[in-house]
Amino acid sequence: WPGFAHTLTSGAGMIVAPAAGTPGDGFTPIGAGPFTLQEWHQGDA
């Protein structure tokens, strides 16, 4: 797969912390990016 590097720029390359939990209702978005989630009012902001 000569183009494998591209897949590490998106979903598979976005690494979630071990404490983030399993996919679904118990998931917490914990990452290593420049920002962290403060609040999410769904349908608004």
All heavy atoms as atom14 arrays in JSON, in Angstrom:
{
  "sequence": "WPGFAHTLTSGAGMIVAPAAGTPGDGFTPIGAGPFTLQEWHQGDA",
  "atom14_mask": [
    [1, 1, 1, 1, 1, 1, 1, 1, 1, 1, 1, 1, 1, 1],
    [1, 1, 1, 1, 1, 1, 1, 0, 0, 0, 0, 0, 0, 0],
    [1, 1, 1, 1, 0, 0, 0, 0, 0, 0, 0, 0, 0, 0],
    [1, 1, 1, 1, 1, 1, 1, 1, 1, 1, 1, 0, 0, 0],
    [1, 1, 1, 1, 1, 0, 0, 0, 0, 0, 0, 0, 0, 0],
    [1, 1, 1, 1, 1, 1, 1, 1, 1, 1, 0, 0, 0, 0],
    [1, 1, 1, 1, 1, 1, 1, 0, 0, 0, 0, 0, 0, 0],
    [1, 1, 1, 1, 1, 1, 1, 1, 0, 0, 0, 0, 0, 0],
    [1, 1, 1, 1, 1, 1, 1, 0, 0, 0, 0, 0, 0, 0],
    [1, 1, 1, 1, 1, 1, 0, 0, 0, 0, 0, 0, 0, 0],
    [1, 1, 1, 1, 0, 0, 0, 0, 0, 0, 0, 0, 0, 0],
    [1, 1, 1, 1, 1, 0, 0, 0, 0, 0, 0, 0, 0, 0],
    [1, 1, 1, 1, 0, 0, 0, 0, 0, 0, 0, 0, 0, 0],
    [1, 1, 1, 1, 1, 1, 1, 1, 0, 0, 0, 0, 0, 0],
    [1, 1, 1, 1, 1, 1, 1, 1, 0, 0, 0, 0, 0, 0],
    [1, 1, 1, 1, 1, 1, 1, 0, 0, 0, 0, 0, 0, 0],
    [1, 1, 1, 1, 1, 0, 0, 0, 0, 0, 0, 0, 0, 0],
    [1, 1, 1, 1, 1, 1, 1, 0, 0, 0, 0, 0, 0, 0],
    [1, 1, 1, 1, 1, 0, 0, 0, 0, 0, 0, 0, 0, 0],
    [1, 1, 1, 1, 1, 0, 0, 0, 0, 0, 0, 0, 0, 0],
    [1, 1, 1, 1, 0, 0, 0, 0, 0, 0, 0, 0, 0, 0],
    [1, 1, 1, 1, 1, 1, 1, 0, 0, 0, 0, 0, 0, 0],
    [1, 1, 1, 1, 1, 1, 1, 0, 0, 0, 0, 0, 0, 0],
    [1, 1, 1, 1, 0, 0, 0, 0, 0, 0, 0, 0, 0, 0],
    [1, 1, 1, 1, 1, 1, 1, 1, 0, 0, 0, 0, 0, 0],
    [1, 1, 1, 1, 0, 0, 0, 0, 0, 0, 0, 0, 0, 0],
    [1, 1, 1, 1, 1, 1, 1, 1, 1, 1, 1, 0, 0, 0],
    [1, 1, 1, 1, 1, 1, 1, 0, 0, 0, 0, 0, 0, 0],
    [1, 1, 1, 1, 1, 1, 1, 0, 0, 0, 0, 0, 0, 0],
    [1, 1, 1, 1, 1, 1, 1, 1, 0, 0, 0, 0, 0, 0],
    [1, 1, 1, 1, 0, 0, 0, 0, 0, 0, 0, 0, 0, 0],
    [1, 1, 1, 1, 1, 0, 0, 0, 0, 0, 0, 0, 0, 0],
    [1, 1, 1, 1, 0, 0, 0, 0, 0, 0, 0, 0, 0, 0],
    [1, 1, 1, 1, 1, 1, 1, 0, 0, 0, 0, 0, 0, 0],
    [1, 1, 1, 1, 1, 1, 1, 1, 1, 1, 1, 0, 0, 0],
    [1, 1, 1, 1, 1, 1, 1, 0, 0, 0, 0, 0, 0, 0],
    [1, 1, 1, 1, 1, 1, 1, 1, 0, 0, 0, 0, 0, 0],
    [1, 1, 1, 1, 1, 1, 1, 1, 1, 0, 0, 0, 0, 0],
    [1, 1, 1, 1, 1, 1, 1, 1, 1, 0, 0, 0, 0, 0],
    [1, 1, 1, 1, 1, 1, 1, 1, 1, 1, 1, 1, 1, 1],
    [1, 1, 1, 1, 1, 1, 1, 1, 1, 1, 0, 0, 0, 0],
    [1, 1, 1, 1, 1, 1, 1, 1, 1, 0, 0, 0, 0, 0],
    [1, 1, 1, 1, 0, 0, 0, 0, 0, 0, 0, 0, 0, 0],
    [1, 1, 1, 1, 1, 1, 1, 1, 0, 0, 0, 0, 0, 0],
    [1, 1, 1, 1, 1, 0, 0, 0, 0, 0, 0, 0, 0, 0]
  ],
  "atom14_positions": [
    [[0.85, -1.19, 0.0], [0.0, 0.0, 0.0], [0.89, 1.24, 0.0], [1.22, 1.8, 1.05], [-0.91, -0.02, 1.23], [-1.96, 1.05, 1.25], [-2.19, 2.02, 0.3], [-2.95, 1.26, 2.27], [-3.25, 2.81, 0.67], [-3.73, 2.36, 1.87], [-3.25, 0.61, 3.46], [-4.78, 2.84, 2.64], [-4.29, 1.08, 4.24], [-5.06, 2.18, 3.83]],
    [[1.3, 1.7, -1.18], [2.18, 2.87, -1.25], [1.57, 4.13, -0.64], [2.3, 5.02, -0.2], [2.41, 3.04, -2.75], [2.22, 1.67, -3.32], [1.12, 1.06, -2.5], [0.0, 0.0, 0.0], [0.0, 0.0, 0.0], [0.0, 0.0, 0.0], [0.0, 0.0, 0.0], [0.0, 0.0, 0.0], [0.0, 0.0, 0.0], [0.0, 0.0, 0.0]],
    [[0.25, 4.23, -0.61], [-0.39, 5.43, -0.08], [-0.8, 5.32, 1.38], [-1.6, 6.13, 1.85], [0.0, 0.0, 0.0], [0.0, 0.0, 0.0], [0.0, 0.0, 0.0], [0.0, 0.0, 0.0], [0.0, 0.0, 0.0], [0.0, 0.0, 0.0], [0.0, 0.0, 0.0], [0.0, 0.0, 0.0], [0.0, 0.0, 0.0], [0.0, 0.0, 0.0]],
    [[-0.25, 4.37, 2.12], [-0.67, 4.14, 3.5], [-0.55, 5.39, 4.37], [-1.36, 5.6, 5.28], [0.17, 3.01, 4.11], [-0.07, 2.78, 5.58], [-1.25, 2.23, 6.04], [0.91, 3.14, 6.51], [-1.46, 2.03, 7.4], [0.7, 2.94, 7.87], [-0.49, 2.38, 8.31], [0.0, 0.0, 0.0], [0.0, 0.0, 0.0], [0.0, 0.0, 0.0]],
    [[0.44, 6.22, 4.11], [0.66, 7.4, 4.97], [-0.57, 8.29, 5.05], [-0.83, 8.93, 6.08], [1.85, 8.21, 4.43], [0.0, 0.0, 0.0], [0.0, 0.0, 0.0], [0.0, 0.0, 0.0], [0.0, 0.0, 0.0], [0.0, 0.0, 0.0], [0.0, 0.0, 0.0], [0.0, 0.0, 0.0], [0.0, 0.0, 0.0], [0.0, 0.0, 0.0]],
    [[-1.35, 8.35, 3.97], [-2.52, 9.23, 3.96], [-3.54, 8.85, 5.02], [-4.22, 9.73, 5.56], [-3.18, 9.21, 2.58], [-2.43, 9.97, 1.55], [-2.56, 11.33, 1.35], [-1.49, 9.56, 0.64], [-1.76, 11.73, 0.38], [-1.11, 10.68, -0.07], [0.0, 0.0, 0.0], [0.0, 0.0, 0.0], [0.0, 0.0, 0.0], [0.0, 0.0, 0.0]],
    [[-3.64, 7.57, 5.33], [-4.66, 7.16, 6.3], [-4.32, 7.63, 7.7], [-5.2, 7.7, 8.57], [-4.86, 5.63, 6.27], [-6.11, 5.3, 6.86], [-3.75, 4.9, 6.99], [0.0, 0.0, 0.0], [0.0, 0.0, 0.0], [0.0, 0.0, 0.0], [0.0, 0.0, 0.0], [0.0, 0.0, 0.0], [0.0, 0.0, 0.0], [0.0, 0.0, 0.0]],
    [[-3.06, 8.0, 7.94], [-2.65, 8.5, 9.26], [-2.86, 10.0, 9.39], [-2.55, 10.59, 10.42], [-1.19, 8.14, 9.53], [-0.86, 6.65, 9.53], [0.61, 6.43, 9.9], [-1.76, 5.86, 10.48], [0.0, 0.0, 0.0], [0.0, 0.0, 0.0], [0.0, 0.0, 0.0], [0.0, 0.0, 0.0], [0.0, 0.0, 0.0], [0.0, 0.0, 0.0]],
    [[-3.43, 10.65, 8.35], [-3.77, 12.06, 8.44], [-5.2, 12.27, 8.91], [-5.59, 13.41, 9.21], [-3.62, 12.76, 7.07], [-4.6, 12.23, 6.16], [-2.23, 12.54, 6.5], [0.0, 0.0, 0.0], [0.0, 0.0, 0.0], [0.0, 0.0, 0.0], [0.0, 0.0, 0.0], [0.0, 0.0, 0.0], [0.0, 0.0, 0.0], [0.0, 0.0, 0.0]],
    [[-5.99, 11.21, 8.94], [-7.41, 11.37, 9.27], [-7.81, 10.42, 10.41], [-7.1, 10.35, 11.41], [-8.27, 11.16, 8.02], [-8.01, 9.91, 7.42], [0.0, 0.0, 0.0], [0.0, 0.0, 0.0], [0.0, 0.0, 0.0], [0.0, 0.0, 0.0], [0.0, 0.0, 0.0], [0.0, 0.0, 0.0], [0.0, 0.0, 0.0], [0.0, 0.0, 0.0]],
    [[-8.9, 9.7, 10.27], [-9.48, 8.97, 11.4], [-8.53, 8.06, 12.15], [-8.41, 8.14, 13.38], [0.0, 0.0, 0.0], [0.0, 0.0, 0.0], [0.0, 0.0, 0.0], [0.0, 0.0, 0.0], [0.0, 0.0, 0.0], [0.0, 0.0, 0.0], [0.0, 0.0, 0.0], [0.0, 0.0, 0.0], [0.0, 0.0, 0.0], [0.0, 0.0, 0.0]],
    [[-7.83, 7.18, 11.44], [-6.92, 6.25, 12.1], [-5.73, 6.96, 12.72], [-5.12, 6.45, 13.67], [-6.43, 5.19, 11.12], [0.0, 0.0, 0.0], [0.0, 0.0, 0.0], [0.0, 0.0, 0.0], [0.0, 0.0, 0.0], [0.0, 0.0, 0.0], [0.0, 0.0, 0.0], [0.0, 0.0, 0.0], [0.0, 0.0, 0.0], [0.0, 0.0, 0.0]],
    [[-5.39, 8.13, 12.21], [-4.27, 8.9, 12.74], [-4.66, 9.85, 13.85], [-3.8, 10.53, 14.42], [0.0, 0.0, 0.0], [0.0, 0.0, 0.0], [0.0, 0.0, 0.0], [0.0, 0.0, 0.0], [0.0, 0.0, 0.0], [0.0, 0.0, 0.0], [0.0, 0.0, 0.0], [0.0, 0.0, 0.0], [0.0, 0.0, 0.0], [0.0, 0.0, 0.0]],
    [[-5.95, 9.91, 14.18], [-6.42, 10.71, 15.32], [-6.48, 9.79, 16.54], [-7.38, 8.96, 16.67], [-7.8, 11.3, 15.01], [-7.8, 12.3, 13.88], [-9.47, 12.91, 13.52], [-9.12, 14.15, 12.27], [0.0, 0.0, 0.0], [0.0, 0.0, 0.0], [0.0, 0.0, 0.0], [0.0, 0.0, 0.0], [0.0, 0.0, 0.0], [0.0, 0.0, 0.0]],
    [[-5.52, 9.94, 17.41], [-5.34, 8.99, 18.51], [-6.13, 9.44, 19.74], [-5.98, 10.57, 20.21], [-3.85, 8.84, 18.86], [-3.05, 8.48, 17.59], [-3.65, 7.8, 19.94], [-3.53, 7.24, 16.87], [0.0, 0.0, 0.0], [0.0, 0.0, 0.0], [0.0, 0.0, 0.0], [0.0, 0.0, 0.0], [0.0, 0.0, 0.0], [0.0, 0.0, 0.0]],
    [[-6.98, 8.55, 20.24], [-7.74, 8.83, 21.46], [-7.01, 8.24, 22.65], [-6.33, 7.22, 22.55], [-9.18, 8.28, 21.37], [-9.9, 8.84, 20.16], [-9.2, 6.76, 21.33], [0.0, 0.0, 0.0], [0.0, 0.0, 0.0], [0.0, 0.0, 0.0], [0.0, 0.0, 0.0], [0.0, 0.0, 0.0], [0.0, 0.0, 0.0], [0.0, 0.0, 0.0]],
    [[-7.14, 8.89, 23.79], [-6.46, 8.45, 25.0], [-7.05, 7.14, 25.51], [-8.24, 6.85, 25.29], [-6.56, 9.52, 26.08], [0.0, 0.0, 0.0], [0.0, 0.0, 0.0], [0.0, 0.0, 0.0], [0.0, 0.0, 0.0], [0.0, 0.0, 0.0], [0.0, 0.0, 0.0], [0.0, 0.0, 0.0], [0.0, 0.0, 0.0], [0.0, 0.0, 0.0]],
    [[-6.26, 6.34, 26.23], [-6.8, 5.1, 26.81], [-8.03, 5.35, 27.68], [-8.93, 4.52, 27.73], [-5.62, 4.56, 27.63], [-4.41, 5.09, 26.93], [-4.8, 6.46, 26.44], [0.0, 0.0, 0.0], [0.0, 0.0, 0.0], [0.0, 0.0, 0.0], [0.0, 0.0, 0.0], [0.0, 0.0, 0.0], [0.0, 0.0, 0.0], [0.0, 0.0, 0.0]],
    [[-8.08, 6.51, 28.36], [-9.2, 6.8, 29.25], [-10.46, 7.25, 28.52], [-11.5, 7.47, 29.15], [-8.78, 7.88, 30.25], [0.0, 0.0, 0.0], [0.0, 0.0, 0.0], [0.0, 0.0, 0.0], [0.0, 0.0, 0.0], [0.0, 0.0, 0.0], [0.0, 0.0, 0.0], [0.0, 0.0, 0.0], [0.0, 0.0, 0.0], [0.0, 0.0, 0.0]],
    [[-10.4, 7.39, 27.18], [-11.56, 7.87, 26.43], [-12.73, 6.9, 26.49], [-13.88, 7.3, 26.37], [-11.17, 8.13, 24.98], [0.0, 0.0, 0.0], [0.0, 0.0, 0.0], [0.0, 0.0, 0.0], [0.0, 0.0, 0.0], [0.0, 0.0, 0.0], [0.0, 0.0, 0.0], [0.0, 0.0, 0.0], [0.0, 0.0, 0.0], [0.0, 0.0, 0.0]],
    [[-12.42, 5.62, 26.64], [-13.49, 4.63, 26.76], [-13.89, 4.02, 25.44], [-13.36, 4.34, 24.38], [0.0, 0.0, 0.0], [0.0, 0.0, 0.0], [0.0, 0.0, 0.0], [0.0, 0.0, 0.0], [0.0, 0.0, 0.0], [0.0, 0.0, 0.0], [0.0, 0.0, 0.0], [0.0, 0.0, 0.0], [0.0, 0.0, 0.0], [0.0, 0.0, 0.0]],
    [[-14.85, 3.14, 25.52], [-15.31, 2.42, 24.34], [-16.25, 3.28, 23.51], [-16.86, 4.21, 24.03], [-16.03, 1.12, 24.75], [-17.13, 1.47, 25.6], [-15.08, 0.2, 25.51], [0.0, 0.0, 0.0], [0.0, 0.0, 0.0], [0.0, 0.0, 0.0], [0.0, 0.0, 0.0], [0.0, 0.0, 0.0], [0.0, 0.0, 0.0], [0.0, 0.0, 0.0]],
    [[-16.38, 2.97, 22.22], [-17.32, 3.73, 21.39], [-18.74, 3.62, 21.93], [-19.15, 2.57, 22.44], [-17.19, 3.05, 20.02], [-15.82, 2.46, 20.03], [-15.6, 2.01, 21.45], [0.0, 0.0, 0.0], [0.0, 0.0, 0.0], [0.0, 0.0, 0.0], [0.0, 0.0, 0.0], [0.0, 0.0, 0.0], [0.0, 0.0, 0.0], [0.0, 0.0, 0.0]],
    [[-19.46, 4.71, 21.82], [-20.84, 4.69, 22.3], [-21.07, 5.71, 23.39], [-20.36, 6.7, 23.52], [0.0, 0.0, 0.0], [0.0, 0.0, 0.0], [0.0, 0.0, 0.0], [0.0, 0.0, 0.0], [0.0, 0.0, 0.0], [0.0, 0.0, 0.0], [0.0, 0.0, 0.0], [0.0, 0.0, 0.0], [0.0, 0.0, 0.0], [0.0, 0.0, 0.0]],
    [[-22.07, 5.45, 24.23], [-22.49, 6.42, 25.24], [-21.41, 6.72, 26.27], [-21.38, 7.81, 26.84], [-23.75, 5.92, 25.94], [-24.96, 5.86, 25.02], [-24.94, 6.57, 23.99], [-25.9, 5.11, 25.32], [0.0, 0.0, 0.0], [0.0, 0.0, 0.0], [0.0, 0.0, 0.0], [0.0, 0.0, 0.0], [0.0, 0.0, 0.0], [0.0, 0.0, 0.0]],
    [[-20.51, 5.78, 26.51], [-19.5, 5.99, 27.53], [-18.26, 6.69, 27.04], [-17.3, 6.87, 27.81], [0.0, 0.0, 0.0], [0.0, 0.0, 0.0], [0.0, 0.0, 0.0], [0.0, 0.0, 0.0], [0.0, 0.0, 0.0], [0.0, 0.0, 0.0], [0.0, 0.0, 0.0], [0.0, 0.0, 0.0], [0.0, 0.0, 0.0], [0.0, 0.0, 0.0]],
    [[-18.25, 7.13, 25.8], [-17.04, 7.72, 25.23], [-16.84, 9.15, 25.7], [-17.77, 9.95, 25.76], [-17.13, 7.7, 23.7], [-15.99, 8.41, 23.01], [-14.73, 7.84, 23.0], [-16.19, 9.64, 22.41], [-13.67, 8.49, 22.38], [-15.14, 10.29, 21.77], [-13.88, 9.72, 21.76], [0.0, 0.0, 0.0], [0.0, 0.0, 0.0], [0.0, 0.0, 0.0]],
    [[-15.58, 9.49, 26.01], [-15.18, 10.85, 26.35], [-14.08, 11.3, 25.39], [-13.07, 10.6, 25.26], [-14.64, 10.93, 27.79], [-15.64, 10.46, 28.7], [-14.26, 12.36, 28.16], [0.0, 0.0, 0.0], [0.0, 0.0, 0.0], [0.0, 0.0, 0.0], [0.0, 0.0, 0.0], [0.0, 0.0, 0.0], [0.0, 0.0, 0.0], [0.0, 0.0, 0.0]],
    [[-14.24, 12.42, 24.7], [-13.24, 12.85, 23.72], [-11.98, 13.4, 24.39], [-11.9, 14.58, 24.73], [-13.97, 13.92, 22.91], [-15.01, 14.44, 23.83], [-15.43, 13.3, 24.7], [0.0, 0.0, 0.0], [0.0, 0.0, 0.0], [0.0, 0.0, 0.0], [0.0, 0.0, 0.0], [0.0, 0.0, 0.0], [0.0, 0.0, 0.0], [0.0, 0.0, 0.0]],
    [[-11.0, 12.54, 24.59], [-9.72, 12.93, 25.19], [-8.65, 12.71, 24.13], [-8.39, 11.59, 23.72], [-9.39, 12.09, 26.44], [-10.52, 12.18, 27.46], [-8.07, 12.55, 27.05], [-10.35, 11.25, 28.64], [0.0, 0.0, 0.0], [0.0, 0.0, 0.0], [0.0, 0.0, 0.0], [0.0, 0.0, 0.0], [0.0, 0.0, 0.0], [0.0, 0.0, 0.0]],
    [[-8.03, 13.8, 23.68], [-7.04, 13.72, 22.63], [-5.77, 14.48, 22.96], [-5.61, 14.99, 24.08], [0.0, 0.0, 0.0], [0.0, 0.0, 0.0], [0.0, 0.0, 0.0], [0.0, 0.0, 0.0], [0.0, 0.0, 0.0], [0.0, 0.0, 0.0], [0.0, 0.0, 0.0], [0.0, 0.0, 0.0], [0.0, 0.0, 0.0], [0.0, 0.0, 0.0]],
    [[-4.88, 14.56, 21.97], [-3.6, 15.24, 22.15], [-3.49, 16.46, 21.25], [-2.39, 16.95, 20.98], [-2.45, 14.28, 21.87], [0.0, 0.0, 0.0], [0.0, 0.0, 0.0], [0.0, 0.0, 0.0], [0.0, 0.0, 0.0], [0.0, 0.0, 0.0], [0.0, 0.0, 0.0], [0.0, 0.0, 0.0], [0.0, 0.0, 0.0], [0.0, 0.0, 0.0]],
    [[-4.62, 16.97, 20.77], [-4.62, 18.14, 19.91], [-4.5, 19.43, 20.69], [-4.37, 19.43, 21.92], [0.0, 0.0, 0.0], [0.0, 0.0, 0.0], [0.0, 0.0, 0.0], [0.0, 0.0, 0.0], [0.0, 0.0, 0.0], [0.0, 0.0, 0.0], [0.0, 0.0, 0.0], [0.0, 0.0, 0.0], [0.0, 0.0, 0.0], [0.0, 0.0, 0.0]],
    [[-4.57, 20.57, 20.0], [-4.36, 21.87, 20.65], [-5.5, 22.34, 21.54], [-5.33, 23.26, 22.34], [-4.16, 22.83, 19.47], [-4.85, 22.17, 18.32], [-4.67, 20.7, 18.53], [0.0, 0.0, 0.0], [0.0, 0.0, 0.0], [0.0, 0.0, 0.0], [0.0, 0.0, 0.0], [0.0, 0.0, 0.0], [0.0, 0.0, 0.0], [0.0, 0.0, 0.0]],
    [[-6.68, 21.72, 21.4], [-7.84, 22.13, 22.17], [-8.5, 20.93, 22.83], [-8.29, 19.78, 22.43], [-8.86, 22.85, 21.27], [-8.34, 24.13, 20.66], [-7.67, 24.11, 19.44], [-8.51, 25.34, 21.31], [-7.18, 25.29, 18.88], [-8.03, 26.52, 20.75], [-7.35, 26.49, 19.54], [0.0, 0.0, 0.0], [0.0, 0.0, 0.0], [0.0, 0.0, 0.0]],
    [[-9.31, 21.21, 23.82], [-10.08, 20.17, 24.48], [-11.55, 20.59, 24.53], [-11.86, 21.8, 24.54], [-9.55, 19.91, 25.91], [-10.21, 18.77, 26.47], [-9.75, 21.11, 26.81], [0.0, 0.0, 0.0], [0.0, 0.0, 0.0], [0.0, 0.0, 0.0], [0.0, 0.0, 0.0], [0.0, 0.0, 0.0], [0.0, 0.0, 0.0], [0.0, 0.0, 0.0]],
    [[-12.45, 19.63, 24.53], [-13.88, 19.94, 24.54], [-14.29, 20.52, 25.89], [-14.07, 19.9, 26.93], [-14.68, 18.67, 24.26], [-16.21, 18.83, 24.3], [-16.7, 19.75, 23.19], [-16.89, 17.46, 24.21], [0.0, 0.0, 0.0], [0.0, 0.0, 0.0], [0.0, 0.0, 0.0], [0.0, 0.0, 0.0], [0.0, 0.0, 0.0], [0.0, 0.0, 0.0]],
    [[-14.88, 21.7, 25.84], [-15.4, 22.32, 27.07], [-16.88, 22.02, 27.23], [-17.32, 21.58, 28.29], [-15.18, 23.83, 27.05], [-15.79, 24.56, 28.25], [-15.61, 26.06, 28.18], [-14.68, 26.56, 27.56], [-16.5, 26.81, 28.83], [0.0, 0.0, 0.0], [0.0, 0.0, 0.0], [0.0, 0.0, 0.0], [0.0, 0.0, 0.0], [0.0, 0.0, 0.0]],
    [[-17.65, 22.25, 26.16], [-19.08, 21.97, 26.23], [-19.63, 21.76, 24.83], [-19.07, 22.24, 23.84], [-19.83, 23.11, 26.93], [-19.68, 24.46, 26.26], [-20.37, 25.58, 27.03], [-20.93, 25.29, 28.1], [-20.37, 26.73, 26.54], [0.0, 0.0, 0.0], [0.0, 0.0, 0.0], [0.0, 0.0, 0.0], [0.0, 0.0, 0.0], [0.0, 0.0, 0.0]],
    [[-20.75, 21.04, 24.77], [-21.41, 20.76, 23.5], [-22.91, 20.8, 23.73], [-23.47, 19.91, 24.36], [-20.96, 19.4, 22.96], [-21.52, 19.04, 21.6], [-22.31, 19.8, 20.8], [-21.32, 17.82, 20.91], [-22.62, 19.13, 19.65], [-22.02, 17.9, 19.68], [-20.61, 16.64, 21.21], [-22.04, 16.85, 18.77], [-20.63, 15.61, 20.29], [-21.33, 15.71, 19.08]],
    [[-23.53, 21.84, 23.24], [-24.99, 21.95, 23.27], [-25.48, 21.45, 21.91], [-25.48, 22.2, 20.93], [-25.43, 23.38, 23.53], [-24.95, 23.94, 24.84], [-25.42, 23.48, 26.05], [-24.02, 24.89, 25.13], [-24.83, 24.13, 27.04], [-23.97, 24.99, 26.5], [0.0, 0.0, 0.0], [0.0, 0.0, 0.0], [0.0, 0.0, 0.0], [0.0, 0.0, 0.0]],
    [[-25.9, 20.21, 21.87], [-26.22, 19.6, 20.59], [-27.37, 20.34, 19.91], [-28.33, 20.73, 20.55], [-26.52, 18.12, 20.79], [-25.29, 17.35, 21.24], [-25.47, 15.84, 21.17], [-26.56, 15.34, 20.91], [-24.39, 15.11, 21.39], [0.0, 0.0, 0.0], [0.0, 0.0, 0.0], [0.0, 0.0, 0.0], [0.0, 0.0, 0.0], [0.0, 0.0, 0.0]],
    [[-27.19, 20.5, 18.61], [-28.15, 21.26, 17.83], [-27.87, 22.74, 17.81], [-28.53, 23.51, 17.1], [0.0, 0.0, 0.0], [0.0, 0.0, 0.0], [0.0, 0.0, 0.0], [0.0, 0.0, 0.0], [0.0, 0.0, 0.0], [0.0, 0.0, 0.0], [0.0, 0.0, 0.0], [0.0, 0.0, 0.0], [0.0, 0.0, 0.0], [0.0, 0.0, 0.0]],
    [[-26.86, 23.18, 18.56], [-26.58, 24.61, 18.66], [-25.1, 24.9, 18.46], [-24.7, 25.45, 17.42], [-27.04, 25.11, 20.02], [-26.78, 26.6, 20.21], [-26.67, 27.32, 19.21], [-26.69, 27.03, 21.39], [0.0, 0.0, 0.0], [0.0, 0.0, 0.0], [0.0, 0.0, 0.0], [0.0, 0.0, 0.0], [0.0, 0.0, 0.0], [0.0, 0.0, 0.0]],
    [[-24.25, 24.52, 19.42], [-22.85, 24.93, 19.35], [-21.97, 24.03, 20.21], [-22.44, 23.32, 21.1], [-22.69, 26.38, 19.8], [0.0, 0.0, 0.0], [0.0, 0.0, 0.0], [0.0, 0.0, 0.0], [0.0, 0.0, 0.0], [0.0, 0.0, 0.0], [0.0, 0.0, 0.0], [0.0, 0.0, 0.0], [0.0, 0.0, 0.0], [0.0, 0.0, 0.0]]
  ]
}
